[in-house]
Protein backbone atom coordinates (compact mmCIF):
# COMPACT_ATOMS: atom_id res chain seq x y z
CA MET A 1 0.08 0.12 0.04
CA VAL A 2 3.02 2.35 0.98
CA VAL A 3 4.49 1.85 -2.87
CA LEU A 4 0.80 2.72 -4.48
CA LEU A 5 0.41 5.67 -2.26
CA THR A 6 4.29 7.08 -3.17
CA ALA A 7 4.23 6.20 -6.75
CA VAL A 8 0.39 8.48 -6.96
CA ALA A 9 2.46 11.06 -4.85
CA ALA A 10 5.03 10.95 -7.41
CA LEU A 11 2.85 10.98 -10.38
CA THR A 12 1.31 13.69 -9.21
CA VAL A 13 4.10 16.20 -8.23
CA ALA A 14 5.25 15.07 -11.86
CA VAL A 15 1.83 16.30 -13.59
CA LEU A 16 1.81 19.49 -11.42
CA VAL A 17 5.53 20.26 -12.46
CA ALA A 18 4.84 19.31 -16.17
CA ALA A 19 2.03 22.03 -15.96
CA ARG A 20 3.71 24.75 -14.56
CA ALA A 21 6.88 24.27 -16.87
CA LEU A 22 4.20 24.01 -20.03
CA GLN A 23 2.62 27.30 -18.39
CA ALA A 24 6.01 28.68 -18.51
CA ALA A 25 6.70 27.89 -21.79
CA GLU A 26 3.33 29.77 -23.44
CA VAL A 27 4.50 32.88 -20.89
CA ALA A 28 8.17 32.75 -22.82
CA GLN A 29 6.26 32.37 -26.28
CA GLU A 30 3.92 35.28 -25.74
CA ARG A 31 7.08 37.27 -24.89
CA SER A 32 8.93 35.99 -27.71
CA CYS A 33 5.95 37.00 -30.51
CA GLY A 34 5.96 40.40 -28.86
CA VAL A 35 9.77 41.21 -29.86
CA VAL A 36 9.34 38.90 -33.23
CA VAL A 37 6.46 40.79 -34.08
CA ALA A 38 7.76 44.20 -33.50
CA LEU A 39 10.95 43.35 -35.46
CA ASP A 40 9.10 42.09 -38.58
CA SER A 41 6.57 44.94 -38.93
CA ALA A 42 9.77 47.35 -38.67
CA TYR A 43 11.60 45.53 -41.59
CA ARG A 44 8.45 45.48 -43.48
CA GLU A 45 7.68 49.10 -43.03
CA ALA A 46 11.52 49.61 -43.74
CA PRO A 47 12.72 46.84 -45.83
CA PRO A 48 16.55 46.49 -45.63
CA GLN A 49 19.16 47.22 -48.33
CA THR A 50 21.57 44.90 -47.67
CA PRO A 51 22.08 41.10 -48.29
CA ALA A 52 22.61 40.87 -44.47
CA GLY A 53 19.52 42.64 -43.61
CA ARG A 54 17.54 40.81 -46.37
CA GLU A 55 18.43 37.77 -44.95
CA ILE A 56 18.02 39.04 -41.10
CA ALA A 57 14.42 40.22 -42.00
CA ALA A 58 13.62 36.65 -43.81
CA GLN A 59 14.46 35.05 -40.47
CA ILE A 60 12.40 36.71 -38.33
CA ALA A 61 9.08 36.70 -41.02
CA ASP A 62 10.01 32.48 -40.78
CA LEU A 63 10.07 33.05 -36.49
CA ARG A 64 6.86 34.94 -36.88
CA ARG A 65 5.05 32.06 -38.68
CA THR A 66 7.14 29.33 -36.85
CA TYR A 67 5.61 30.76 -33.32
CA ASP A 68 2.28 31.46 -35.24
CA CYS A 69 2.47 35.07 -33.68
CA PRO A 70 -0.46 37.08 -34.95
CA ALA A 71 -0.23 38.78 -38.36
C-alpha cells in the first residue's frame, strides 16, 4: 500500500511540474512573439537594403510564422 501511495504522489508531483513548465513556456512564447512581431513590422515598413539585412528580415518573418504570432 505504501508503494502505491508513493507512486501516486510521485505521479501527482510530476504532473504539477509538467503543467507549470508548460505554462512558463507559453508565457515565454508570448513574450517572444512580442519581440518578433515588433521586428517583423519594422522590417516590413522599412525593408533592409543589404543582403545581410534581407536575410535577417526573412528569418524574423519565418520566426513569426513558426511561433504562430498574430499577423
